[in-house]
Amino acid sequence: MARLLPLLFLLLAVAAFLLARQAARPRSDRVYRPRPSPFARRKPAAEADWIASRADVEDVRDAYSSETLDPQRPLFRCGGCQAWYHEASVRALDLDNGGRCALCGSPDLRAVRML
């Protein structure tokens, strides 16, 4: 029995490693879920806005509503994963998600100034 005890501990360690590794995987390998950059600031800088041209938002969709972005409307961008939002989507995220990005969970949603 004394010889089986180390083998049992080894099997438990391997099982724990496999379970921890499985928990770290995304829910589906077919769905891309961006992770925030480790260098992204966690709190938004109030004075710093994103600057973009109309060509930058061409054929880009709102990350919350999947609606094509309209450069005439106020736009916002996530500092963690670079997702784009309309103002209405940011208001919905404030109510439903604590003001965090729908994709990566970053609180860094800043306004975009169009050139």
C-alpha atoms as a PDB file:
ATOM      1  CA  MET A   1       0.000   0.000   0.000  1.00  0.00           C
ATOM      2  CA  ALA A   2       2.886   2.358   0.739  1.00  0.00           C
ATOM      3  CA  ARG A   3       4.060   2.028  -2.895  1.00  0.00           C
ATOM      4  CA  LEU A   4       0.631   2.919  -4.263  1.00  0.00           C
ATOM      5  CA  LEU A   5       0.343   6.150  -2.286  1.00  0.00           C
ATOM      6  CA  PRO A   6       2.861   8.143  -4.446  1.00  0.00           C
ATOM      7  CA  LEU A   7       1.158   6.823  -7.587  1.00  0.00           C
ATOM      8  CA  LEU A   8      -2.210   7.969  -6.256  1.00  0.00           C
ATOM      9  CA  PHE A   9      -0.819  11.461  -5.521  1.00  0.00           C
ATOM     10  CA  LEU A  10       0.660  11.621  -9.019  1.00  0.00           C
ATOM     11  CA  LEU A  11      -2.680  10.703 -10.603  1.00  0.00           C
ATOM     12  CA  LEU A  12      -4.487  13.314  -8.492  1.00  0.00           C
ATOM     13  CA  ALA A  13      -1.943  15.984  -9.496  1.00  0.00           C
ATOM     14  CA  VAL A  14      -2.341  15.128 -13.197  1.00  0.00           C
ATOM     15  CA  ALA A  15      -6.140  15.215 -12.878  1.00  0.00           C
ATOM     16  CA  ALA A  16      -6.008  18.602 -11.106  1.00  0.00           C
ATOM     17  CA  PHE A  17      -3.689  19.966 -13.819  1.00  0.00           C
ATOM     18  CA  LEU A  18      -5.998  18.783 -16.595  1.00  0.00           C
ATOM     19  CA  LEU A  19      -9.065  20.269 -14.894  1.00  0.00           C
ATOM     20  CA  ALA A  20      -7.325  23.618 -14.372  1.00  0.00           C
ATOM     21  CA  ARG A  21      -6.187  23.653 -17.986  1.00  0.00           C
ATOM     22  CA  GLN A  22      -9.699  22.848 -19.218  1.00  0.00           C
ATOM     23  CA  ALA A  23     -11.166  25.683 -17.119  1.00  0.00           C
ATOM     24  CA  ALA A  24      -8.759  28.186 -18.715  1.00  0.00           C
ATOM     25  CA  ARG A  25      -9.946  27.365 -22.254  1.00  0.00           C
ATOM     26  CA  PRO A  26     -12.673  29.393 -23.935  1.00  0.00           C
ATOM     27  CA  ARG A  27     -16.115  27.843 -23.891  1.00  0.00           C
ATOM     28  CA  SER A  28     -15.964  27.060 -27.579  1.00  0.00           C
ATOM     29  CA  ASP A  29     -12.948  26.721 -29.833  1.00  0.00           C
ATOM     30  CA  ARG A  30     -15.038  28.063 -32.731  1.00  0.00           C
ATOM     31  CA  VAL A  31     -15.735  31.427 -31.033  1.00  0.00           C
ATOM     32  CA  TYR A  32     -13.077  34.131 -30.758  1.00  0.00           C
ATOM     33  CA  ARG A  33     -13.102  35.956 -27.443  1.00  0.00           C
ATOM     34  CA  PRO A  34     -10.356  38.570 -27.253  1.00  0.00           C
ATOM     35  CA  ARG A  35      -8.522  39.018 -24.013  1.00  0.00           C
ATOM     36  CA  PRO A  36      -7.524  42.463 -22.795  1.00  0.00           C
ATOM     37  CA  SER A  37      -3.955  43.501 -23.326  1.00  0.00           C
ATOM     38  CA  PRO A  38      -1.850  43.193 -20.156  1.00  0.00           C
ATOM     39  CA  PHE A  39      -0.556  46.684 -20.947  1.00  0.00           C
ATOM     40  CA  ALA A  40      -3.996  48.282 -21.203  1.00  0.00           C
ATOM     41  CA  ARG A  41      -4.893  50.745 -18.487  1.00  0.00           C
ATOM     42  CA  ARG A  42      -7.623  49.493 -16.194  1.00  0.00           C
ATOM     43  CA  LYS A  43      -9.122  52.931 -15.587  1.00  0.00           C
ATOM     44  CA  PRO A  44     -10.037  55.225 -18.463  1.00  0.00           C
ATOM     45  CA  ALA A  45      -8.102  58.444 -18.864  1.00  0.00           C
ATOM     46  CA  ALA A  46     -10.803  61.120 -18.921  1.00  0.00           C
ATOM     47  CA  GLU A  47      -8.785  63.534 -21.042  1.00  0.00           C
ATOM     48  CA  ALA A  48      -7.695  61.014 -23.684  1.00  0.00           C
ATOM     49  CA  ASP A  49     -10.088  60.118 -26.481  1.00  0.00           C
ATOM     50  CA  TRP A  50      -9.578  57.882 -29.485  1.00  0.00           C
ATOM     51  CA  ILE A  51      -9.048  59.556 -32.834  1.00  0.00           C
ATOM     52  CA  ALA A  52     -10.270  57.802 -35.982  1.00  0.00           C
ATOM     53  CA  SER A  53     -11.046  58.538 -39.598  1.00  0.00           C
ATOM     54  CA  ARG A  54     -14.178  57.500 -41.446  1.00  0.00           C
ATOM     55  CA  ALA A  55     -12.138  54.844 -43.275  1.00  0.00           C
ATOM     56  CA  ASP A  56     -11.303  53.236 -39.883  1.00  0.00           C
ATOM     57  CA  VAL A  57     -14.968  52.514 -39.160  1.00  0.00           C
ATOM     58  CA  GLU A  58     -15.972  51.439 -42.640  1.00  0.00           C
ATOM     59  CA  ASP A  59     -17.578  47.955 -42.548  1.00  0.00           C
ATOM     60  CA  VAL A  60     -17.000  47.690 -38.768  1.00  0.00           C
ATOM     61  CA  ARG A  61     -19.833  46.527 -36.527  1.00  0.00           C
ATOM     62  CA  ASP A  62     -20.897  47.543 -33.040  1.00  0.00           C
ATOM     63  CA  ALA A  63     -19.627  44.892 -30.616  1.00  0.00           C
ATOM     64  CA  TYR A  64     -22.839  44.954 -28.565  1.00  0.00           C
ATOM     65  CA  SER A  65     -25.638  45.314 -31.126  1.00  0.00           C
ATOM     66  CA  SER A  66     -23.825  44.022 -34.263  1.00  0.00           C
ATOM     67  CA  GLU A  67     -25.133  47.075 -36.106  1.00  0.00           C
ATOM     68  CA  THR A  68     -22.851  48.605 -38.761  1.00  0.00           C
ATOM     69  CA  LEU A  69     -21.118  51.656 -37.294  1.00  0.00           C
ATOM     70  CA  ASP A  70     -22.456  55.032 -38.357  1.00  0.00           C
ATOM     71  CA  PRO A  71     -19.663  57.655 -38.212  1.00  0.00           C
ATOM     72  CA  GLN A  72     -22.312  60.400 -37.883  1.00  0.00           C
ATOM     73  CA  ARG A  73     -23.347  59.099 -34.454  1.00  0.00           C
ATOM     74  CA  PRO A  74     -21.186  59.335 -31.300  1.00  0.00           C
ATOM     75  CA  LEU A  75     -18.803  56.361 -31.153  1.00  0.00           C
ATOM     76  CA  PHE A  76     -16.841  54.725 -28.348  1.00  0.00           C
ATOM     77  CA  ARG A  77     -13.917  52.284 -28.330  1.00  0.00           C
ATOM     78  CA  CYS A  78     -12.610  49.795 -25.771  1.00  0.00           C
ATOM     79  CA  GLY A  79      -9.022  50.279 -24.641  1.00  0.00           C
ATOM     80  CA  GLY A  80      -8.623  46.597 -23.823  1.00  0.00           C
ATOM     81  CA  CYS A  81      -9.650  44.824 -27.035  1.00  0.00           C
ATOM     82  CA  GLN A  82     -10.282  47.754 -29.440  1.00  0.00           C
ATOM     83  CA  ALA A  83     -13.998  46.933 -29.863  1.00  0.00           C
ATOM     84  CA  TRP A  84     -16.246  49.700 -31.250  1.00  0.00           C
ATOM     85  CA  TYR A  85     -19.618  50.821 -29.824  1.00  0.00           C
ATOM     86  CA  HIS A  86     -22.374  53.322 -30.548  1.00  0.00           C
ATOM     87  CA  GLU A  87     -23.427  55.574 -27.699  1.00  0.00           C
ATOM     88  CA  ALA A  88     -26.660  53.610 -27.190  1.00  0.00           C
ATOM     89  CA  SER A  89     -24.666  50.404 -26.754  1.00  0.00           C
ATOM     90  CA  VAL A  90     -22.424  52.041 -24.144  1.00  0.00           C
ATOM     91  CA  ARG A  91     -25.521  53.163 -22.234  1.00  0.00           C
ATOM     92  CA  ALA A  92     -26.867  49.594 -22.372  1.00  0.00           C
ATOM     93  CA  LEU A  93     -23.511  48.289 -21.137  1.00  0.00           C
ATOM     94  CA  ASP A  94     -23.674  50.783 -18.256  1.00  0.00           C
ATOM     95  CA  LEU A  95     -27.004  49.323 -17.209  1.00  0.00           C
ATOM     96  CA  ASP A  96     -26.422  45.645 -17.949  1.00  0.00           C
ATOM     97  CA  ASN A  97     -22.668  45.104 -17.574  1.00  0.00           C
ATOM     98  CA  GLY A  98     -21.454  47.711 -15.102  1.00  0.00           C
ATOM     99  CA  GLY A  99     -20.002  49.875 -17.873  1.00  0.00           C
ATOM    100  CA  ARG A 100     -17.582  47.175 -18.991  1.00  0.00           C
ATOM    101  CA  CYS A 101     -16.773  45.990 -22.509  1.00  0.00           C
ATOM    102  CA  ALA A 102     -19.029  43.172 -23.704  1.00  0.00           C
ATOM    103  CA  LEU A 103     -16.071  41.283 -25.201  1.00  0.00           C
ATOM    104  CA  CYS A 104     -13.159  41.582 -22.775  1.00  0.00           C
ATOM    105  CA  GLY A 105     -14.677  43.129 -19.633  1.00  0.00           C
ATOM    106  CA  SER A 106     -12.419  46.195 -19.634  1.00  0.00           C
ATOM    107  CA  PRO A 107     -13.867  49.363 -18.058  1.00  0.00           C
ATOM    108  CA  ASP A 108     -11.874  51.506 -20.524  1.00  0.00           C
ATOM    109  CA  LEU A 109     -14.611  52.685 -22.914  1.00  0.00           C
ATOM    110  CA  ARG A 110     -13.634  56.069 -24.323  1.00  0.00           C
ATOM    111  CA  ALA A 111     -15.204  58.414 -26.853  1.00  0.00           C
ATOM    112  CA  VAL A 112     -13.909  58.524 -30.424  1.00  0.00           C
ATOM    113  CA  ARG A 113     -13.254  61.802 -32.234  1.00  0.00           C
ATOM    114  CA  MET A 114     -13.785  61.499 -35.978  1.00  0.00           C
ATOM    115  CA  LEU A 115     -11.418  63.340 -38.322  1.00  0.00           C
END
